[in-house]
């Protein structure tokens, strides 16, 4: 199966050309201001993409998804899209888990304090997770800002060391775009916008069959 990862589209999705894939994954920040209208416009586009499976999490800009109740969100999400919020889905023998949570920063959506407050969310991640999707990066991996600071989550880093998913997909730190492999996990920061919010980065494509594992 061919997968494509994107993140941090911030309303610029209509300007994108996506590669053909079986699984399309968006790692959060689909909107700019987090309004219902922005979310609806994105979901109309996302649900019409040519991929059999479409997986979505929210990000720190996506306030609607934090403030809406479960029924409102369920009514909004198209039937062919899987929305994950500290929850998982199985696809052809693969276990995927997604969370929008990021360490506290200026009171954005889904912010949690570092330490025990955010660790509660990472403790929910099942040990058999193959593909982990979080909005933010783990500490020290594709998380360096333009000011040279590593701002990823230490508690998430520790959880990943224990679980060792095959893939960890995220965004949030636009200037961290790229990929990195360590201890059996392929880390992908799929932010398609750069730190100036220009659509500069291409979607990541990768193969989910271990014997054909390729990354581009």
N, C-alpha and C. Protein backbone atom coordinates (compact mmCIF):
# COMPACT_ATOMS: atom_id res chain seq x y z
N UNK A 1 0.83 -1.20 0.00
CA UNK A 1 0.00 0.00 0.00
C UNK A 1 0.87 1.25 0.00
N UNK A 2 0.46 2.18 -0.81
CA UNK A 2 1.16 3.45 -0.93
C UNK A 2 0.46 4.49 -0.05
N UNK A 3 1.22 5.19 0.77
CA UNK A 3 0.66 6.19 1.66
C UNK A 3 1.24 7.56 1.35
N UNK A 4 0.45 8.59 1.61
CA UNK A 4 0.90 9.97 1.48
C UNK A 4 0.59 10.69 2.78
N UNK A 5 1.58 11.43 3.28
CA UNK A 5 1.42 12.21 4.51
C UNK A 5 1.54 13.69 4.18
N UNK A 6 0.57 14.48 4.66
CA UNK A 6 0.63 15.93 4.60
C UNK A 6 0.24 16.48 5.97
N UNK A 7 0.64 17.71 6.21
CA UNK A 7 0.29 18.36 7.47
C UNK A 7 0.37 19.87 7.28
N UNK A 8 -0.31 20.60 8.15
CA UNK A 8 -0.21 22.06 8.20
C UNK A 8 -0.50 22.70 6.85
N UNK A 9 -1.66 22.35 6.30
CA UNK A 9 -2.08 22.96 5.04
C UNK A 9 -2.69 24.35 5.26
N UNK A 10 -3.27 24.60 6.43
CA UNK A 10 -3.75 25.93 6.82
C UNK A 10 -4.58 26.61 5.73
N UNK A 11 -5.50 25.87 5.14
CA UNK A 11 -6.39 26.45 4.15
C UNK A 11 -5.83 26.54 2.75
N UNK A 12 -4.62 26.03 2.52
CA UNK A 12 -3.99 26.13 1.20
C UNK A 12 -4.15 24.83 0.40
N UNK A 13 -5.04 23.97 0.83
CA UNK A 13 -5.17 22.64 0.22
C UNK A 13 -5.54 22.69 -1.26
N UNK A 14 -6.30 23.69 -1.69
CA UNK A 14 -6.74 23.75 -3.08
C UNK A 14 -5.58 23.98 -4.05
N UNK A 15 -4.46 24.44 -3.51
CA UNK A 15 -3.28 24.69 -4.35
C UNK A 15 -2.37 23.48 -4.45
N UNK A 16 -2.76 22.38 -3.83
CA UNK A 16 -1.90 21.21 -3.78
C UNK A 16 -2.25 20.20 -4.87
N UNK A 17 -1.22 19.51 -5.34
CA UNK A 17 -1.39 18.35 -6.22
C UNK A 17 -0.86 17.13 -5.49
N UNK A 18 -1.75 16.22 -5.16
CA UNK A 18 -1.35 15.06 -4.37
C UNK A 18 -1.04 13.87 -5.25
N UNK A 19 -0.02 13.10 -4.88
CA UNK A 19 0.27 11.87 -5.62
C UNK A 19 -0.83 10.83 -5.40
N UNK A 20 -0.93 9.90 -6.31
CA UNK A 20 -1.87 8.79 -6.15
C UNK A 20 -1.44 7.93 -4.97
N UNK A 21 -2.40 7.51 -4.17
CA UNK A 21 -2.06 6.69 -2.99
C UNK A 21 -3.26 5.86 -2.57
N UNK A 22 -2.98 4.90 -1.69
CA UNK A 22 -4.04 4.11 -1.08
C UNK A 22 -4.53 4.74 0.21
N UNK A 23 -3.59 5.31 0.98
CA UNK A 23 -3.91 5.93 2.26
C UNK A 23 -3.40 7.36 2.26
N UNK A 24 -4.30 8.31 2.53
CA UNK A 24 -3.94 9.71 2.64
C UNK A 24 -4.09 10.12 4.10
N UNK A 25 -3.02 10.65 4.68
CA UNK A 25 -3.01 11.00 6.11
C UNK A 25 -2.68 12.48 6.26
N UNK A 26 -3.52 13.19 7.01
CA UNK A 26 -3.29 14.60 7.32
C UNK A 26 -3.05 14.71 8.83
N UNK A 27 -1.89 15.28 9.18
CA UNK A 27 -1.47 15.31 10.60
C UNK A 27 -1.80 16.62 11.30
N UNK A 28 -2.87 17.28 10.91
CA UNK A 28 -3.37 18.42 11.68
C UNK A 28 -3.06 19.79 11.10
N UNK A 29 -3.79 20.79 11.62
CA UNK A 29 -3.76 22.17 11.13
C UNK A 29 -4.24 22.25 9.69
N UNK A 30 -5.47 21.80 9.50
CA UNK A 30 -6.13 21.92 8.20
C UNK A 30 -6.63 23.34 7.97
N UNK A 31 -6.86 24.09 9.08
CA UNK A 31 -7.41 25.43 8.99
C UNK A 31 -6.38 26.47 9.40
N UNK A 32 -6.74 27.72 9.23
CA UNK A 32 -5.89 28.82 9.66
C UNK A 32 -6.41 29.43 10.96
N UNK A 33 -7.72 29.74 10.97
CA UNK A 33 -8.32 30.36 12.16
C UNK A 33 -9.18 29.40 12.98
N UNK A 34 -9.35 28.20 12.48
CA UNK A 34 -10.07 27.19 13.25
C UNK A 34 -11.57 27.30 13.21
N UNK A 35 -12.14 27.92 12.16
CA UNK A 35 -13.59 28.09 12.08
C UNK A 35 -14.27 26.87 11.49
N UNK A 36 -15.57 26.78 11.73
CA UNK A 36 -16.37 25.70 11.16
C UNK A 36 -16.36 25.77 9.64
N UNK A 37 -16.46 26.97 9.08
CA UNK A 37 -16.47 27.11 7.63
C UNK A 37 -15.17 26.59 7.01
N UNK A 38 -14.04 26.94 7.62
CA UNK A 38 -12.76 26.44 7.12
C UNK A 38 -12.71 24.92 7.17
N UNK A 39 -13.18 24.36 8.28
CA UNK A 39 -13.16 22.90 8.44
C UNK A 39 -14.04 22.23 7.39
N UNK A 40 -15.21 22.80 7.14
CA UNK A 40 -16.12 22.22 6.14
C UNK A 40 -15.49 22.26 4.75
N UNK A 41 -14.88 23.39 4.40
CA UNK A 41 -14.27 23.52 3.08
C UNK A 41 -13.13 22.51 2.91
N UNK A 42 -12.33 22.36 3.97
CA UNK A 42 -11.24 21.38 3.89
C UNK A 42 -11.78 19.96 3.74
N UNK A 43 -12.77 19.61 4.54
CA UNK A 43 -13.29 18.24 4.53
C UNK A 43 -13.95 17.90 3.20
N UNK A 44 -14.60 18.88 2.56
CA UNK A 44 -15.16 18.65 1.23
C UNK A 44 -14.05 18.25 0.25
N UNK A 45 -12.94 18.97 0.33
CA UNK A 45 -11.79 18.66 -0.54
C UNK A 45 -11.17 17.32 -0.17
N UNK A 46 -10.93 17.11 1.10
CA UNK A 46 -10.23 15.91 1.58
C UNK A 46 -11.01 14.65 1.24
N UNK A 47 -12.32 14.69 1.43
CA UNK A 47 -13.14 13.50 1.19
C UNK A 47 -13.20 13.14 -0.28
N UNK A 48 -12.91 14.08 -1.17
CA UNK A 48 -12.96 13.84 -2.61
C UNK A 48 -11.61 13.46 -3.20
N UNK A 49 -10.57 13.33 -2.37
CA UNK A 49 -9.26 12.93 -2.88
C UNK A 49 -9.27 11.45 -3.25
N UNK A 50 -8.45 11.12 -4.23
CA UNK A 50 -8.44 9.77 -4.78
C UNK A 50 -7.56 8.85 -3.94
N UNK A 51 -8.09 8.46 -2.81
CA UNK A 51 -7.42 7.51 -1.91
C UNK A 51 -8.50 6.66 -1.26
N UNK A 52 -8.24 5.38 -1.14
CA UNK A 52 -9.25 4.49 -0.57
C UNK A 52 -9.49 4.80 0.90
N UNK A 53 -8.41 5.12 1.61
CA UNK A 53 -8.51 5.43 3.04
C UNK A 53 -8.00 6.85 3.28
N UNK A 54 -8.76 7.60 4.06
CA UNK A 54 -8.37 8.97 4.39
C UNK A 54 -8.43 9.15 5.90
N UNK A 55 -7.29 9.52 6.48
CA UNK A 55 -7.14 9.62 7.93
C UNK A 55 -6.81 11.06 8.28
N UNK A 56 -7.44 11.56 9.34
CA UNK A 56 -7.30 12.97 9.70
C UNK A 56 -7.22 13.15 11.21
N UNK A 57 -6.29 14.02 11.65
CA UNK A 57 -6.33 14.50 13.03
C UNK A 57 -6.39 16.03 12.97
N UNK A 58 -6.74 16.64 14.08
CA UNK A 58 -6.74 18.10 14.19
C UNK A 58 -5.37 18.57 14.68
N UNK A 59 -5.19 19.89 14.67
CA UNK A 59 -3.96 20.48 15.17
C UNK A 59 -4.25 21.70 16.02
N UNK A 60 -3.22 22.42 16.39
CA UNK A 60 -3.39 23.51 17.35
C UNK A 60 -4.13 24.71 16.76
N UNK A 61 -4.28 24.80 15.44
CA UNK A 61 -5.08 25.86 14.83
C UNK A 61 -6.55 25.47 14.70
N UNK A 62 -6.85 24.21 14.86
CA UNK A 62 -8.19 23.71 14.52
C UNK A 62 -9.14 23.77 15.72
N UNK A 63 -9.45 25.00 16.13
CA UNK A 63 -10.23 25.22 17.36
C UNK A 63 -11.61 24.58 17.29
N UNK A 64 -12.23 24.56 16.13
CA UNK A 64 -13.58 24.00 16.04
C UNK A 64 -13.62 22.60 16.62
N UNK A 65 -12.61 21.80 16.30
CA UNK A 65 -12.63 20.40 16.73
C UNK A 65 -12.41 20.24 18.23
N UNK A 66 -11.81 21.25 18.86
CA UNK A 66 -11.66 21.18 20.32
C UNK A 66 -12.93 21.61 21.02
N UNK A 67 -13.64 22.59 20.46
CA UNK A 67 -14.80 23.16 21.14
C UNK A 67 -16.11 22.45 20.81
N UNK A 68 -16.20 21.80 19.67
CA UNK A 68 -17.43 21.13 19.27
C UNK A 68 -17.62 19.85 20.07
N UNK A 69 -18.88 19.44 20.22
CA UNK A 69 -19.14 18.17 20.91
C UNK A 69 -19.03 17.01 19.92
N UNK A 70 -19.06 15.81 20.44
CA UNK A 70 -18.85 14.62 19.61
C UNK A 70 -19.90 14.49 18.51
N UNK A 71 -21.14 14.86 18.81
CA UNK A 71 -22.20 14.75 17.80
C UNK A 71 -21.97 15.74 16.66
N UNK A 72 -21.57 16.97 16.99
CA UNK A 72 -21.29 17.96 15.95
C UNK A 72 -20.16 17.50 15.03
N UNK A 73 -19.13 16.94 15.64
CA UNK A 73 -18.00 16.47 14.84
C UNK A 73 -18.40 15.27 13.99
N UNK A 74 -19.15 14.34 14.57
CA UNK A 74 -19.60 13.16 13.83
C UNK A 74 -20.44 13.55 12.62
N UNK A 75 -21.27 14.58 12.78
CA UNK A 75 -22.12 15.03 11.68
C UNK A 75 -21.32 15.74 10.59
N UNK A 76 -20.17 16.28 10.95
CA UNK A 76 -19.35 17.02 10.00
C UNK A 76 -18.43 16.11 9.19
N UNK A 77 -17.89 15.07 9.84
CA UNK A 77 -16.89 14.23 9.19
C UNK A 77 -17.55 13.37 8.10
N UNK A 78 -17.05 13.42 6.88
CA UNK A 78 -17.62 12.57 5.81
C UNK A 78 -17.47 11.09 6.14
N UNK A 79 -18.32 10.29 5.56
CA UNK A 79 -18.35 8.86 5.88
C UNK A 79 -17.08 8.14 5.42
N UNK A 80 -16.36 8.70 4.46
CA UNK A 80 -15.16 8.04 3.96
C UNK A 80 -13.88 8.60 4.56
N UNK A 81 -14.00 9.33 5.66
CA UNK A 81 -12.85 9.90 6.38
C UNK A 81 -12.84 9.38 7.81
N UNK A 82 -11.68 8.95 8.28
CA UNK A 82 -11.52 8.54 9.69
C UNK A 82 -10.87 9.67 10.45
N UNK A 83 -11.61 10.24 11.41
CA UNK A 83 -11.09 11.32 12.25
C UNK A 83 -10.64 10.72 13.58
N UNK A 84 -9.36 10.92 13.92
CA UNK A 84 -8.81 10.33 15.13
C UNK A 84 -8.51 11.42 16.16
N UNK A 85 -8.98 11.18 17.37
CA UNK A 85 -8.74 12.09 18.49
C UNK A 85 -8.46 11.25 19.73
N UNK A 86 -7.18 10.96 19.96
CA UNK A 86 -6.81 9.98 20.99
C UNK A 86 -7.57 8.69 20.75
N UNK A 87 -7.53 8.26 19.51
CA UNK A 87 -8.25 7.05 19.11
C UNK A 87 -7.53 6.42 17.92
N UNK A 88 -8.01 5.23 17.55
CA UNK A 88 -7.31 4.49 16.51
C UNK A 88 -8.25 3.89 15.49
N UNK A 89 -7.64 3.35 14.43
CA UNK A 89 -8.38 2.67 13.39
C UNK A 89 -7.47 1.59 12.79
N UNK A 90 -8.07 0.49 12.38
CA UNK A 90 -7.31 -0.57 11.73
C UNK A 90 -7.55 -0.57 10.23
N UNK A 91 -6.47 -0.70 9.46
CA UNK A 91 -6.58 -0.73 8.00
C UNK A 91 -5.72 -1.87 7.47
N UNK A 92 -6.36 -2.89 6.94
CA UNK A 92 -5.68 -4.03 6.31
C UNK A 92 -4.53 -4.55 7.18
N UNK A 93 -4.81 -4.77 8.43
CA UNK A 93 -3.84 -5.35 9.34
C UNK A 93 -2.90 -4.36 9.99
N UNK A 94 -3.01 -3.08 9.64
CA UNK A 94 -2.18 -2.05 10.25
C UNK A 94 -2.98 -1.30 11.32
N UNK A 95 -2.33 -1.03 12.43
CA UNK A 95 -2.97 -0.28 13.52
C UNK A 95 -2.47 1.16 13.52
N UNK A 96 -3.42 2.10 13.33
CA UNK A 96 -3.09 3.52 13.32
C UNK A 96 -3.70 4.19 14.54
N UNK A 97 -2.97 5.14 15.10
CA UNK A 97 -3.44 5.89 16.27
C UNK A 97 -3.14 7.37 16.05
N UNK A 98 -4.10 8.23 16.40
CA UNK A 98 -3.89 9.65 16.18
C UNK A 98 -4.27 10.51 17.37
N UNK A 99 -3.52 11.59 17.56
CA UNK A 99 -3.81 12.55 18.63
C UNK A 99 -3.43 13.96 18.18
N UNK A 100 -4.29 14.96 18.48
CA UNK A 100 -4.01 16.35 18.12
C UNK A 100 -3.18 17.10 19.15
N UNK A 101 -2.89 16.49 20.26
CA UNK A 101 -2.33 17.18 21.43
C UNK A 101 -0.89 17.63 21.18
N UNK A 102 -0.58 18.85 21.65
CA UNK A 102 0.78 19.39 21.59
C UNK A 102 1.10 20.08 22.92
N UNK A 103 2.39 20.22 23.25
CA UNK A 103 2.76 20.94 24.48
C UNK A 103 2.25 22.38 24.46
N UNK A 104 1.95 22.89 25.63
CA UNK A 104 1.34 24.22 25.79
C UNK A 104 2.19 25.30 25.13
N UNK A 105 1.50 26.13 24.31
CA UNK A 105 2.16 27.26 23.66
C UNK A 105 1.10 28.30 23.30
N UNK A 106 1.06 29.38 24.05
CA UNK A 106 0.16 30.52 23.76
C UNK A 106 -1.31 30.15 23.69
N UNK A 107 -1.72 29.11 24.43
CA UNK A 107 -3.14 28.79 24.56
C UNK A 107 -3.82 28.48 23.23
N UNK A 108 -3.15 27.68 22.39
CA UNK A 108 -3.76 27.24 21.16
C UNK A 108 -4.65 26.03 21.44
N UNK A 109 -5.29 25.51 20.41
CA UNK A 109 -6.18 24.35 20.57
C UNK A 109 -5.37 23.11 20.94
N UNK A 110 -5.97 22.26 21.74
CA UNK A 110 -5.41 20.97 22.13
C UNK A 110 -4.04 21.09 22.81
N UNK A 111 -3.79 22.21 23.47
CA UNK A 111 -2.55 22.38 24.23
C UNK A 111 -2.65 21.68 25.58
N UNK A 112 -1.57 21.06 26.00
CA UNK A 112 -1.48 20.45 27.33
C UNK A 112 -0.14 20.81 27.94
N UNK A 113 -0.12 20.93 29.25
CA UNK A 113 1.14 21.20 29.94
C UNK A 113 2.07 20.00 29.82
N UNK A 114 3.36 20.29 29.69
CA UNK A 114 4.35 19.22 29.66
C UNK A 114 4.34 18.47 30.99
N UNK A 115 4.80 17.25 30.97
CA UNK A 115 4.81 16.45 32.19
C UNK A 115 3.60 15.53 32.24
N UNK A 116 3.06 15.35 33.41
CA UNK A 116 1.98 14.38 33.60
C UNK A 116 0.73 14.73 32.81
N UNK A 117 0.45 16.03 32.62
CA UNK A 117 -0.76 16.43 31.92
C UNK A 117 -0.78 15.90 30.49
N UNK A 118 0.33 16.04 29.79
CA UNK A 118 0.36 15.56 28.40
C UNK A 118 0.65 14.06 28.34
N UNK A 119 1.35 13.55 29.32
CA UNK A 119 1.68 12.12 29.35
C UNK A 119 0.43 11.25 29.39
N UNK A 120 -0.65 11.76 29.99
CA UNK A 120 -1.91 11.01 30.04
C UNK A 120 -2.38 10.63 28.64
N UNK A 121 -2.15 11.51 27.68
CA UNK A 121 -2.57 11.23 26.31
C UNK A 121 -1.67 10.18 25.67
N UNK A 122 -0.38 10.28 25.91
CA UNK A 122 0.54 9.31 25.29
C UNK A 122 0.38 7.94 25.92
N UNK A 123 -0.06 7.89 27.17
CA UNK A 123 -0.29 6.59 27.81
C UNK A 123 -1.44 5.82 27.17
N UNK A 124 -2.29 6.52 26.40
CA UNK A 124 -3.41 5.85 25.73
C UNK A 124 -2.96 5.10 24.47
N UNK A 125 -1.78 5.42 23.95
CA UNK A 125 -1.35 4.84 22.68
C UNK A 125 -1.10 3.35 22.86
N UNK A 126 -1.76 2.50 22.10
CA UNK A 126 -1.57 1.05 22.25
C UNK A 126 -0.15 0.62 21.87
N UNK A 127 0.31 -0.41 22.52
CA UNK A 127 1.68 -0.87 22.28
C UNK A 127 1.85 -1.50 20.91
N UNK A 128 0.74 -1.89 20.25
CA UNK A 128 0.83 -2.53 18.94
C UNK A 128 0.60 -1.53 17.80
N UNK A 129 0.77 -0.25 18.06
CA UNK A 129 0.57 0.77 17.04
C UNK A 129 1.64 0.67 15.95
N UNK A 130 1.21 0.58 14.70
CA UNK A 130 2.14 0.55 13.56
C UNK A 130 2.43 1.94 13.04
N UNK A 131 1.39 2.77 12.96
CA UNK A 131 1.52 4.13 12.44
C UNK A 131 0.95 5.09 13.48
N UNK A 132 1.81 5.90 14.05
CA UNK A 132 1.40 6.90 15.03
C UNK A 132 1.32 8.25 14.33
N UNK A 133 0.20 8.94 14.53
CA UNK A 133 -0.01 10.26 13.93
C UNK A 133 -0.27 11.24 15.07
N UNK A 134 0.62 12.17 15.28
CA UNK A 134 0.40 13.23 16.25
C UNK A 134 0.62 14.56 15.54
N UNK A 135 0.02 15.62 16.08
CA UNK A 135 0.25 16.89 15.40
C UNK A 135 1.68 17.39 15.63
N UNK A 136 2.18 17.21 16.83
CA UNK A 136 3.51 17.72 17.15
C UNK A 136 4.57 16.63 17.14
N UNK A 137 5.84 17.02 17.04
CA UNK A 137 6.94 16.06 17.00
C UNK A 137 7.39 15.65 18.40
N UNK A 138 8.14 14.55 18.48
CA UNK A 138 8.82 14.22 19.74
C UNK A 138 10.04 15.13 19.89
N UNK A 139 10.51 15.24 21.11
CA UNK A 139 11.66 16.13 21.36
C UNK A 139 12.90 15.64 20.62
N UNK A 140 13.55 16.57 19.95
CA UNK A 140 14.83 16.28 19.31
C UNK A 140 14.76 15.69 17.93
N UNK A 141 13.55 15.49 17.40
CA UNK A 141 13.41 14.88 16.07
C UNK A 141 12.56 15.77 15.18
N UNK A 142 13.17 16.42 14.22
CA UNK A 142 12.46 17.27 13.26
C UNK A 142 11.59 18.30 13.97
N UNK A 143 12.13 18.84 15.06
CA UNK A 143 11.36 19.77 15.90
C UNK A 143 12.09 21.10 16.14
N UNK A 144 13.14 21.36 15.35
CA UNK A 144 13.93 22.58 15.59
C UNK A 144 13.32 23.77 14.86
N UNK A 145 13.10 24.85 15.60
CA UNK A 145 12.53 26.06 15.02
C UNK A 145 13.60 26.87 14.30
N UNK A 146 13.15 27.93 13.62
CA UNK A 146 14.08 28.82 12.93
C UNK A 146 15.02 29.51 13.90
N UNK A 147 14.65 29.54 15.19
CA UNK A 147 15.50 30.15 16.22
C UNK A 147 16.46 29.15 16.84
N UNK A 148 16.47 27.92 16.31
CA UNK A 148 17.41 26.91 16.79
C UNK A 148 16.99 26.19 18.05
N UNK A 149 15.70 26.27 18.39
CA UNK A 149 15.21 25.61 19.61
C UNK A 149 14.50 24.32 19.26
N UNK A 150 14.76 23.26 20.04
CA UNK A 150 14.02 22.01 19.93
C UNK A 150 12.80 22.10 20.82
N UNK A 151 11.62 22.02 20.23
CA UNK A 151 10.39 22.29 20.98
C UNK A 151 9.45 21.09 21.02
N UNK A 152 9.93 19.92 20.60
CA UNK A 152 9.09 18.72 20.64
C UNK A 152 8.82 18.26 22.05
N UNK A 153 8.02 17.23 22.17
CA UNK A 153 7.54 16.75 23.47
C UNK A 153 8.43 15.62 24.00
N UNK A 154 8.99 15.85 25.19
CA UNK A 154 9.85 14.86 25.83
C UNK A 154 9.10 13.59 26.19
N UNK A 155 7.87 13.76 26.68
CA UNK A 155 7.08 12.60 27.08
C UNK A 155 6.69 11.75 25.88
N UNK A 156 6.42 12.40 24.76
CA UNK A 156 6.12 11.66 23.53
C UNK A 156 7.35 10.89 23.06
N UNK A 157 8.49 11.51 23.15
CA UNK A 157 9.73 10.84 22.77
C UNK A 157 9.93 9.56 23.57
N UNK A 158 9.68 9.63 24.87
CA UNK A 158 9.84 8.46 25.73
C UNK A 158 8.85 7.36 25.36
N UNK A 159 7.62 7.73 25.07
CA UNK A 159 6.60 6.75 24.68
C UNK A 159 6.98 6.05 23.39
N UNK A 160 7.48 6.79 22.43
CA UNK A 160 7.86 6.21 21.14
C UNK A 160 9.02 5.23 21.31
N UNK A 161 9.94 5.55 22.19
CA UNK A 161 11.05 4.63 22.46
C UNK A 161 10.54 3.28 22.94
N UNK A 162 9.46 3.30 23.72
CA UNK A 162 8.91 2.07 24.27
C UNK A 162 8.05 1.32 23.25
N UNK A 163 7.24 2.05 22.51
CA UNK A 163 6.29 1.42 21.59
C UNK A 163 6.95 1.00 20.28
N UNK A 164 7.86 1.86 19.79
CA UNK A 164 8.57 1.62 18.53
C UNK A 164 7.61 1.39 17.35
N UNK A 165 6.76 2.37 17.04
CA UNK A 165 5.92 2.24 15.84
C UNK A 165 6.77 2.21 14.58
N UNK A 166 6.26 1.64 13.53
CA UNK A 166 7.00 1.62 12.27
C UNK A 166 7.13 3.03 11.68
N UNK A 167 6.07 3.82 11.84
CA UNK A 167 6.07 5.18 11.34
C UNK A 167 5.52 6.13 12.41
N UNK A 168 6.10 7.31 12.50
CA UNK A 168 5.53 8.38 13.30
C UNK A 168 5.41 9.59 12.39
N UNK A 169 4.16 10.02 12.14
CA UNK A 169 3.86 11.12 11.24
C UNK A 169 3.38 12.32 12.05
N UNK A 170 3.85 13.50 11.69
CA UNK A 170 3.48 14.72 12.44
C UNK A 170 3.78 15.94 11.58
N UNK A 171 3.59 17.10 12.16
CA UNK A 171 3.88 18.38 11.50
C UNK A 171 4.17 19.43 12.56
N UNK A 172 3.37 20.50 12.57
CA UNK A 172 3.39 21.53 13.61
C UNK A 172 4.58 22.49 13.49
N UNK A 173 5.79 21.95 13.47
CA UNK A 173 6.99 22.78 13.33
C UNK A 173 7.35 22.80 11.84
N UNK A 174 6.90 23.85 11.15
CA UNK A 174 7.01 23.89 9.70
C UNK A 174 8.46 23.74 9.23
N UNK A 175 9.37 24.41 9.94
CA UNK A 175 10.78 24.39 9.52
C UNK A 175 11.45 23.05 9.81
N UNK A 176 10.73 22.14 10.47
CA UNK A 176 11.25 20.80 10.73
C UNK A 176 10.91 19.79 9.65
N UNK A 177 10.29 20.25 8.57
CA UNK A 177 9.91 19.36 7.47
C UNK A 177 11.07 18.44 7.07
N UNK A 178 10.74 17.17 6.92
CA UNK A 178 11.76 16.21 6.53
C UNK A 178 11.48 14.85 7.10
N UNK A 179 12.45 13.96 7.01
CA UNK A 179 12.29 12.61 7.54
C UNK A 179 13.58 12.16 8.20
N UNK A 180 13.43 11.20 9.10
CA UNK A 180 14.57 10.73 9.89
C UNK A 180 14.22 9.33 10.38
N UNK A 181 15.18 8.43 10.33
CA UNK A 181 14.94 7.05 10.78
C UNK A 181 15.81 6.75 11.99
N UNK A 182 15.21 6.16 13.02
CA UNK A 182 15.94 5.83 14.24
C UNK A 182 15.28 4.67 14.94
N UNK A 183 16.06 3.68 15.32
CA UNK A 183 15.61 2.54 16.13
C UNK A 183 14.35 1.89 15.56
N UNK A 184 14.32 1.74 14.24
CA UNK A 184 13.22 1.04 13.60
C UNK A 184 12.00 1.88 13.30
N UNK A 185 12.01 3.15 13.64
CA UNK A 185 10.88 4.04 13.37
C UNK A 185 11.25 5.07 12.32
N UNK A 186 10.39 5.21 11.31
CA UNK A 186 10.56 6.26 10.31
C UNK A 186 9.75 7.48 10.76
N UNK A 187 10.44 8.57 11.05
CA UNK A 187 9.80 9.81 11.48
C UNK A 187 9.63 10.72 10.27
N UNK A 188 8.42 11.26 10.10
CA UNK A 188 8.13 12.14 8.97
C UNK A 188 7.42 13.39 9.47
N UNK A 189 8.05 14.54 9.27
CA UNK A 189 7.39 15.83 9.49
C UNK A 189 6.86 16.28 8.14
N UNK A 190 5.55 16.21 7.96
CA UNK A 190 4.94 16.44 6.66
C UNK A 190 4.40 17.84 6.45
N UNK A 191 4.90 18.84 7.17
CA UNK A 191 4.41 20.21 7.01
C UNK A 191 4.65 20.69 5.58
N UNK A 192 3.57 20.96 4.86
CA UNK A 192 3.74 21.39 3.47
C UNK A 192 4.00 22.89 3.36
N UNK A 193 3.67 23.67 4.39
CA UNK A 193 3.99 25.09 4.40
C UNK A 193 5.30 25.31 5.15
N UNK A 194 6.11 26.23 4.67
CA UNK A 194 7.35 26.55 5.38
C UNK A 194 7.06 27.52 6.52
N UNK A 195 8.13 27.99 7.20
CA UNK A 195 7.93 28.86 8.36
C UNK A 195 7.31 30.20 8.01
N UNK A 196 7.32 30.58 6.72
CA UNK A 196 6.69 31.82 6.26
C UNK A 196 5.30 31.56 5.68
N UNK A 197 4.80 30.35 5.86
CA UNK A 197 3.48 29.92 5.41
C UNK A 197 3.36 29.93 3.88
N UNK A 198 4.47 29.72 3.22
CA UNK A 198 4.47 29.50 1.78
C UNK A 198 4.35 28.01 1.50
N UNK A 199 3.61 27.66 0.45
CA UNK A 199 3.45 26.27 0.08
C UNK A 199 4.71 25.82 -0.66
N UNK A 200 5.69 25.38 0.11
CA UNK A 200 7.03 25.10 -0.43
C UNK A 200 7.41 23.63 -0.42
N UNK A 201 6.75 22.82 0.39
CA UNK A 201 7.19 21.44 0.61
C UNK A 201 6.23 20.44 -0.03
N UNK A 202 6.78 19.38 -0.58
CA UNK A 202 5.97 18.37 -1.26
C UNK A 202 5.48 17.33 -0.26
N UNK A 203 4.34 16.70 -0.55
CA UNK A 203 3.85 15.62 0.31
C UNK A 203 4.85 14.45 0.34
N UNK A 204 4.88 13.75 1.47
CA UNK A 204 5.73 12.57 1.61
C UNK A 204 4.97 11.34 1.15
N UNK A 205 5.62 10.53 0.31
CA UNK A 205 5.06 9.26 -0.13
C UNK A 205 5.90 8.13 0.47
N UNK A 206 5.25 7.07 0.91
CA UNK A 206 5.99 5.93 1.42
C UNK A 206 5.17 4.67 1.27
N UNK A 207 5.88 3.55 1.22
CA UNK A 207 5.27 2.26 1.01
C UNK A 207 5.09 1.56 2.35
N UNK A 208 3.91 1.00 2.57
CA UNK A 208 3.61 0.38 3.85
C UNK A 208 3.88 -1.12 3.87
N UNK A 209 4.39 -1.66 2.78
CA UNK A 209 4.77 -3.08 2.78
C UNK A 209 6.22 -3.18 3.20
N UNK A 210 6.51 -3.82 4.32
CA UNK A 210 7.88 -3.82 4.87
C UNK A 210 8.94 -4.28 3.88
N UNK A 211 8.60 -5.25 3.03
CA UNK A 211 9.61 -5.76 2.11
C UNK A 211 9.90 -4.78 0.98
N UNK A 212 9.06 -3.74 0.85
CA UNK A 212 9.25 -2.74 -0.20
C UNK A 212 9.34 -1.33 0.39
N UNK A 213 9.80 -1.22 1.61
CA UNK A 213 9.79 0.06 2.29
C UNK A 213 10.66 1.09 1.56
N UNK A 214 10.00 2.13 1.07
CA UNK A 214 10.70 3.22 0.41
C UNK A 214 10.10 4.52 0.88
N UNK A 215 10.89 5.56 0.85
CA UNK A 215 10.45 6.86 1.34
C UNK A 215 10.90 7.91 0.35
N UNK A 216 10.01 8.86 0.04
CA UNK A 216 10.37 9.90 -0.91
C UNK A 216 9.69 11.20 -0.54
